[in-house]
Every structure is written in structure tokens, then in C-alpha cells.
Amino acid sequence: MAPKGKDPKKTTQFPSTNHDEILAVFNRYARHEHLGQRYMTPAEFLQDYLGYLKGDNIDPTTLNILGSLVDLNKNYRITIDEFTNFESLLVASDSLYRLAFQLFDRHG
């Protein structure tokens, strides 16, 4: 359950200058398009953007769990909105609590 009065999926938005920088980074890694919207897969987010879980021997369960922290609707497509949401989550004062909540939330 989320802390009282907090929605774990809502975060503060960045000022437009930071949003432009985030959009540029996102577009560097978002190599796919679906219905006119660019996206990256959770594997690409973890391996290419974060540089995590690289190599041939990757546990798919670990990949899915970590990818679900960003891919909020679980469609295996990380959009600019989800990417921005994750980035803004990291700068929030309670970011560790929110990440832990998202990691263990079975209903979200």
C-alpha cells in the first residue's frame, strides 16, 4: 500500500529545459515505434541506457522485475512518459521508498 496521501505512480514533472534534455536522451535509446510513438524495450533500457545486465547469461525474471519499475503498464514498451516518470522519480526526496514500493507492488 502506498504511503498515506501519496500515489506511487505520480511524480513531479521536470522544467522544460530538463525535459528537452531527457527527451534527447530518450530518443537516443528509443529505437522502435508503435502507433507513432517511440519506445524502448525494458531490456534496452536496462542494458543500453543503464549499462546493467549486459551479456549472454541474463536471467529473464530479473530483467522483467527490474524492467517493470519503468514499464508501468507492463506492455514491454517504455515510452517517453514512462521514461520521464522514472527519471523524475529518482530526483524525488522519497525516491528509494517509491522504487521499493513499485518493485514489490503486485497490483500495479
N, C-alpha and C. Protein backbone atom coordinates (compact mmCIF):
# COMPACT_ATOMS: atom_id res chain seq x y z
N MET A 1 0.83 -1.17 0.00
CA MET A 1 0.00 0.00 0.00
C MET A 1 0.88 1.24 0.00
N ALA A 2 0.47 2.24 -0.72
CA ALA A 2 1.23 3.48 -0.83
C ALA A 2 1.14 4.26 0.47
N PRO A 3 2.18 5.05 0.77
CA PRO A 3 2.11 5.92 1.94
C PRO A 3 0.88 6.81 1.85
N LYS A 4 0.29 7.13 3.00
CA LYS A 4 -0.95 7.91 3.03
C LYS A 4 -0.81 9.21 2.25
N GLY A 5 -1.76 9.41 1.33
CA GLY A 5 -1.77 10.63 0.55
C GLY A 5 -0.82 10.64 -0.64
N LYS A 6 -0.10 9.55 -0.87
CA LYS A 6 0.87 9.51 -1.97
C LYS A 6 0.41 8.52 -3.03
N ASP A 7 0.54 8.88 -4.27
CA ASP A 7 0.31 7.98 -5.38
C ASP A 7 1.67 7.61 -5.94
N PRO A 8 2.09 6.32 -5.85
CA PRO A 8 3.44 5.95 -6.27
C PRO A 8 3.67 6.11 -7.76
N LYS A 9 2.61 6.25 -8.56
CA LYS A 9 2.78 6.39 -10.00
C LYS A 9 2.79 7.85 -10.43
N LYS A 10 2.57 8.78 -9.50
CA LYS A 10 2.59 10.21 -9.82
C LYS A 10 3.89 10.80 -9.32
N THR A 11 4.53 11.57 -10.16
CA THR A 11 5.78 12.20 -9.77
C THR A 11 5.77 13.65 -10.22
N THR A 12 6.73 14.39 -9.75
CA THR A 12 6.89 15.78 -10.12
C THR A 12 7.44 15.86 -11.54
N GLN A 13 6.96 16.81 -12.32
CA GLN A 13 7.46 16.97 -13.68
C GLN A 13 8.67 17.89 -13.68
N PHE A 14 9.55 17.69 -14.67
CA PHE A 14 10.75 18.49 -14.82
C PHE A 14 10.42 19.82 -15.50
N PRO A 15 11.22 20.86 -15.24
CA PRO A 15 11.11 22.09 -16.03
C PRO A 15 11.39 21.78 -17.50
N SER A 16 10.94 22.64 -18.40
CA SER A 16 11.04 22.35 -19.83
C SER A 16 12.48 22.16 -20.31
N THR A 17 13.44 22.86 -19.73
CA THR A 17 14.83 22.67 -20.18
C THR A 17 15.31 21.26 -19.85
N ASN A 18 14.99 20.78 -18.66
CA ASN A 18 15.35 19.41 -18.31
C ASN A 18 14.57 18.41 -19.15
N HIS A 19 13.31 18.74 -19.45
CA HIS A 19 12.51 17.84 -20.27
C HIS A 19 13.13 17.68 -21.66
N ASP A 20 13.65 18.76 -22.22
CA ASP A 20 14.30 18.68 -23.53
C ASP A 20 15.53 17.78 -23.47
N GLU A 21 16.28 17.86 -22.39
CA GLU A 21 17.46 17.00 -22.23
C GLU A 21 17.04 15.54 -22.09
N ILE A 22 16.00 15.31 -21.31
CA ILE A 22 15.50 13.94 -21.12
C ILE A 22 14.97 13.39 -22.43
N LEU A 23 14.27 14.21 -23.20
CA LEU A 23 13.77 13.78 -24.50
C LEU A 23 14.91 13.40 -25.43
N ALA A 24 15.99 14.17 -25.42
CA ALA A 24 17.15 13.87 -26.27
C ALA A 24 17.78 12.54 -25.87
N VAL A 25 17.90 12.31 -24.58
CA VAL A 25 18.46 11.03 -24.10
C VAL A 25 17.52 9.89 -24.48
N PHE A 26 16.24 10.08 -24.25
CA PHE A 26 15.27 9.04 -24.59
C PHE A 26 15.35 8.68 -26.07
N ASN A 27 15.37 9.69 -26.93
CA ASN A 27 15.41 9.44 -28.37
C ASN A 27 16.68 8.74 -28.81
N ARG A 28 17.75 8.89 -28.06
CA ARG A 28 19.00 8.20 -28.37
C ARG A 28 18.84 6.68 -28.19
N TYR A 29 18.01 6.26 -27.24
CA TYR A 29 17.86 4.83 -26.93
C TYR A 29 16.55 4.22 -27.41
N ALA A 30 15.56 5.05 -27.73
CA ALA A 30 14.27 4.55 -28.20
C ALA A 30 14.36 4.27 -29.70
N ARG A 31 14.54 3.03 -30.03
CA ARG A 31 14.80 2.65 -31.43
C ARG A 31 13.57 2.12 -32.16
N HIS A 32 12.46 2.03 -31.46
CA HIS A 32 11.26 1.43 -32.04
C HIS A 32 10.13 2.45 -32.06
N GLU A 33 9.11 2.12 -32.84
CA GLU A 33 7.94 2.99 -32.92
C GLU A 33 6.69 2.12 -33.02
N HIS A 34 5.66 2.52 -32.28
CA HIS A 34 4.37 1.83 -32.31
C HIS A 34 3.28 2.88 -32.29
N LEU A 35 2.42 2.86 -33.30
CA LEU A 35 1.33 3.84 -33.42
C LEU A 35 1.84 5.27 -33.31
N GLY A 36 2.98 5.53 -33.95
CA GLY A 36 3.55 6.87 -33.99
C GLY A 36 4.27 7.30 -32.73
N GLN A 37 4.42 6.40 -31.78
CA GLN A 37 5.09 6.75 -30.52
C GLN A 37 6.37 5.93 -30.38
N ARG A 38 7.48 6.65 -30.15
CA ARG A 38 8.77 5.98 -29.97
C ARG A 38 8.80 5.27 -28.62
N TYR A 39 9.56 4.16 -28.57
CA TYR A 39 9.71 3.44 -27.31
C TYR A 39 10.99 2.62 -27.33
N MET A 40 11.39 2.19 -26.13
CA MET A 40 12.49 1.23 -25.98
C MET A 40 11.95 0.06 -25.17
N THR A 41 12.55 -1.09 -25.34
CA THR A 41 12.13 -2.25 -24.57
C THR A 41 12.77 -2.19 -23.18
N PRO A 42 12.20 -2.90 -22.21
CA PRO A 42 12.84 -2.95 -20.89
C PRO A 42 14.28 -3.46 -20.95
N ALA A 43 14.55 -4.42 -21.81
CA ALA A 43 15.92 -4.94 -21.96
C ALA A 43 16.85 -3.84 -22.47
N GLU A 44 16.40 -3.07 -23.44
CA GLU A 44 17.22 -1.97 -23.96
C GLU A 44 17.43 -0.89 -22.90
N PHE A 45 16.40 -0.62 -22.11
CA PHE A 45 16.53 0.36 -21.04
C PHE A 45 17.61 -0.09 -20.05
N LEU A 46 17.52 -1.33 -19.61
CA LEU A 46 18.47 -1.83 -18.60
C LEU A 46 19.87 -2.02 -19.16
N GLN A 47 19.96 -2.60 -20.35
CA GLN A 47 21.28 -2.94 -20.89
C GLN A 47 21.95 -1.78 -21.60
N ASP A 48 21.22 -1.06 -22.43
CA ASP A 48 21.84 0.01 -23.22
C ASP A 48 21.89 1.33 -22.45
N TYR A 49 20.76 1.74 -21.88
CA TYR A 49 20.72 3.02 -21.18
C TYR A 49 21.44 2.96 -19.83
N LEU A 50 21.11 1.97 -19.01
CA LEU A 50 21.73 1.87 -17.69
C LEU A 50 23.05 1.12 -17.69
N GLY A 51 23.29 0.32 -18.74
CA GLY A 51 24.51 -0.48 -18.79
C GLY A 51 24.49 -1.62 -17.80
N TYR A 52 23.31 -2.12 -17.47
CA TYR A 52 23.13 -3.15 -16.46
C TYR A 52 22.66 -4.44 -17.13
N LEU A 53 23.04 -5.57 -16.59
CA LEU A 53 22.65 -6.89 -17.08
C LEU A 53 23.12 -7.13 -18.52
N LYS A 54 24.33 -6.74 -18.81
CA LYS A 54 24.87 -6.98 -20.15
C LYS A 54 25.44 -8.39 -20.23
N GLY A 55 25.41 -8.95 -21.42
CA GLY A 55 25.98 -10.27 -21.64
C GLY A 55 24.94 -11.27 -22.09
N ASP A 56 25.39 -12.49 -22.32
CA ASP A 56 24.51 -13.52 -22.85
C ASP A 56 23.72 -14.26 -21.76
N ASN A 57 24.24 -14.29 -20.55
CA ASN A 57 23.62 -15.08 -19.49
C ASN A 57 22.76 -14.19 -18.59
N ILE A 58 21.62 -13.76 -19.13
CA ILE A 58 20.74 -12.84 -18.40
C ILE A 58 19.50 -13.60 -17.95
N ASP A 59 19.19 -13.49 -16.67
CA ASP A 59 18.00 -14.12 -16.12
C ASP A 59 16.77 -13.31 -16.54
N PRO A 60 15.87 -13.91 -17.32
CA PRO A 60 14.69 -13.17 -17.79
C PRO A 60 13.80 -12.66 -16.65
N THR A 61 13.75 -13.40 -15.55
CA THR A 61 12.93 -12.96 -14.42
C THR A 61 13.47 -11.66 -13.83
N THR A 62 14.79 -11.60 -13.66
CA THR A 62 15.41 -10.38 -13.15
C THR A 62 15.16 -9.22 -14.10
N LEU A 63 15.30 -9.48 -15.38
CA LEU A 63 15.06 -8.46 -16.40
C LEU A 63 13.62 -7.95 -16.32
N ASN A 64 12.66 -8.85 -16.18
CA ASN A 64 11.25 -8.45 -16.10
C ASN A 64 10.95 -7.66 -14.84
N ILE A 65 11.51 -8.08 -13.72
CA ILE A 65 11.26 -7.38 -12.45
C ILE A 65 11.81 -5.96 -12.50
N LEU A 66 13.06 -5.84 -12.92
CA LEU A 66 13.67 -4.51 -12.98
C LEU A 66 13.03 -3.64 -14.06
N GLY A 67 12.70 -4.25 -15.19
CA GLY A 67 12.05 -3.50 -16.26
C GLY A 67 10.68 -2.98 -15.86
N SER A 68 9.99 -3.73 -14.98
CA SER A 68 8.65 -3.31 -14.56
C SER A 68 8.67 -2.05 -13.71
N LEU A 69 9.84 -1.68 -13.19
CA LEU A 69 9.94 -0.42 -12.44
C LEU A 69 9.71 0.79 -13.35
N VAL A 70 9.99 0.61 -14.62
CA VAL A 70 9.84 1.71 -15.58
C VAL A 70 8.63 1.49 -16.47
N ASP A 71 8.42 0.26 -16.92
CA ASP A 71 7.31 -0.08 -17.81
C ASP A 71 6.04 -0.27 -16.97
N LEU A 72 5.43 0.83 -16.59
CA LEU A 72 4.33 0.79 -15.63
C LEU A 72 3.10 0.05 -16.12
N ASN A 73 2.82 0.08 -17.42
CA ASN A 73 1.64 -0.63 -17.92
C ASN A 73 1.96 -2.04 -18.40
N LYS A 74 3.19 -2.46 -18.23
CA LYS A 74 3.65 -3.84 -18.48
C LYS A 74 3.38 -4.31 -19.92
N ASN A 75 3.58 -3.40 -20.89
CA ASN A 75 3.38 -3.77 -22.29
C ASN A 75 4.70 -3.97 -23.03
N TYR A 76 5.81 -3.99 -22.29
CA TYR A 76 7.16 -4.19 -22.83
C TYR A 76 7.59 -3.07 -23.76
N ARG A 77 6.97 -1.89 -23.59
CA ARG A 77 7.35 -0.70 -24.35
C ARG A 77 7.48 0.46 -23.38
N ILE A 78 8.68 0.98 -23.23
CA ILE A 78 8.91 2.13 -22.35
C ILE A 78 8.81 3.38 -23.21
N THR A 79 7.77 4.16 -22.97
CA THR A 79 7.51 5.38 -23.73
C THR A 79 8.19 6.57 -23.06
N ILE A 80 8.14 7.70 -23.72
CA ILE A 80 8.74 8.92 -23.15
C ILE A 80 8.07 9.27 -21.82
N ASP A 81 6.77 9.05 -21.70
CA ASP A 81 6.09 9.36 -20.44
C ASP A 81 6.60 8.47 -19.30
N GLU A 82 6.76 7.18 -19.57
CA GLU A 82 7.27 6.27 -18.54
C GLU A 82 8.73 6.58 -18.20
N PHE A 83 9.50 6.90 -19.22
CA PHE A 83 10.91 7.24 -19.02
C PHE A 83 11.04 8.51 -18.18
N THR A 84 10.25 9.54 -18.51
CA THR A 84 10.27 10.79 -17.75
C THR A 84 9.78 10.56 -16.33
N ASN A 85 8.75 9.74 -16.19
CA ASN A 85 8.23 9.42 -14.86
C ASN A 85 9.32 8.77 -14.00
N PHE A 86 10.07 7.83 -14.58
CA PHE A 86 11.14 7.16 -13.84
C PHE A 86 12.25 8.15 -13.48
N GLU A 87 12.65 8.97 -14.43
CA GLU A 87 13.71 9.94 -14.17
C GLU A 87 13.30 10.93 -13.08
N SER A 88 12.05 11.39 -13.11
CA SER A 88 11.61 12.33 -12.08
C SER A 88 11.45 11.64 -10.73
N LEU A 89 11.15 10.36 -10.75
CA LEU A 89 11.08 9.58 -9.51
C LEU A 89 12.43 9.56 -8.80
N LEU A 90 13.49 9.48 -9.58
CA LEU A 90 14.83 9.38 -9.00
C LEU A 90 15.26 10.65 -8.27
N VAL A 91 14.72 11.80 -8.66
CA VAL A 91 15.11 13.05 -8.00
C VAL A 91 14.17 13.42 -6.85
N ALA A 92 13.12 12.65 -6.65
CA ALA A 92 12.20 12.92 -5.55
C ALA A 92 12.87 12.59 -4.22
N SER A 93 12.50 13.31 -3.17
CA SER A 93 13.13 13.11 -1.87
C SER A 93 12.87 11.72 -1.30
N ASP A 94 11.75 11.12 -1.68
CA ASP A 94 11.44 9.78 -1.18
C ASP A 94 11.61 8.72 -2.27
N SER A 95 12.57 8.92 -3.15
CA SER A 95 12.73 8.05 -4.32
C SER A 95 12.99 6.59 -3.95
N LEU A 96 13.78 6.33 -2.92
CA LEU A 96 14.06 4.94 -2.55
C LEU A 96 12.79 4.23 -2.09
N TYR A 97 11.94 4.93 -1.36
CA TYR A 97 10.69 4.33 -0.90
C TYR A 97 9.76 4.05 -2.08
N ARG A 98 9.70 4.99 -2.99
CA ARG A 98 8.84 4.81 -4.16
C ARG A 98 9.32 3.66 -5.04
N LEU A 99 10.64 3.58 -5.25
CA LEU A 99 11.18 2.47 -6.04
C LEU A 99 10.89 1.14 -5.37
N ALA A 100 11.08 1.07 -4.07
CA ALA A 100 10.80 -0.17 -3.34
C ALA A 100 9.32 -0.52 -3.45
N PHE A 101 8.45 0.46 -3.34
CA PHE A 101 7.02 0.21 -3.48
C PHE A 101 6.71 -0.37 -4.86
N GLN A 102 7.23 0.26 -5.90
CA GLN A 102 6.99 -0.21 -7.26
C GLN A 102 7.55 -1.61 -7.47
N LEU A 103 8.69 -1.89 -6.88
CA LEU A 103 9.32 -3.19 -7.05
C LEU A 103 8.47 -4.30 -6.46
N PHE A 104 7.83 -4.04 -5.32
CA PHE A 104 7.08 -5.08 -4.64
C PHE A 104 5.56 -4.97 -4.81
N ASP A 105 5.10 -3.99 -5.54
CA ASP A 105 3.66 -3.82 -5.78
C ASP A 105 3.17 -4.88 -6.75
N ARG A 106 2.35 -5.78 -6.28
CA ARG A 106 1.84 -6.87 -7.11
C ARG A 106 0.59 -6.49 -7.89
N HIS A 107 0.00 -5.37 -7.56
CA HIS A 107 -1.25 -4.98 -8.21
C HIS A 107 -1.07 -3.84 -9.20
N GLY A 108 0.14 -3.35 -9.38
CA GLY A 108 0.37 -2.19 -10.24
C GLY A 108 1.10 -2.51 -11.41
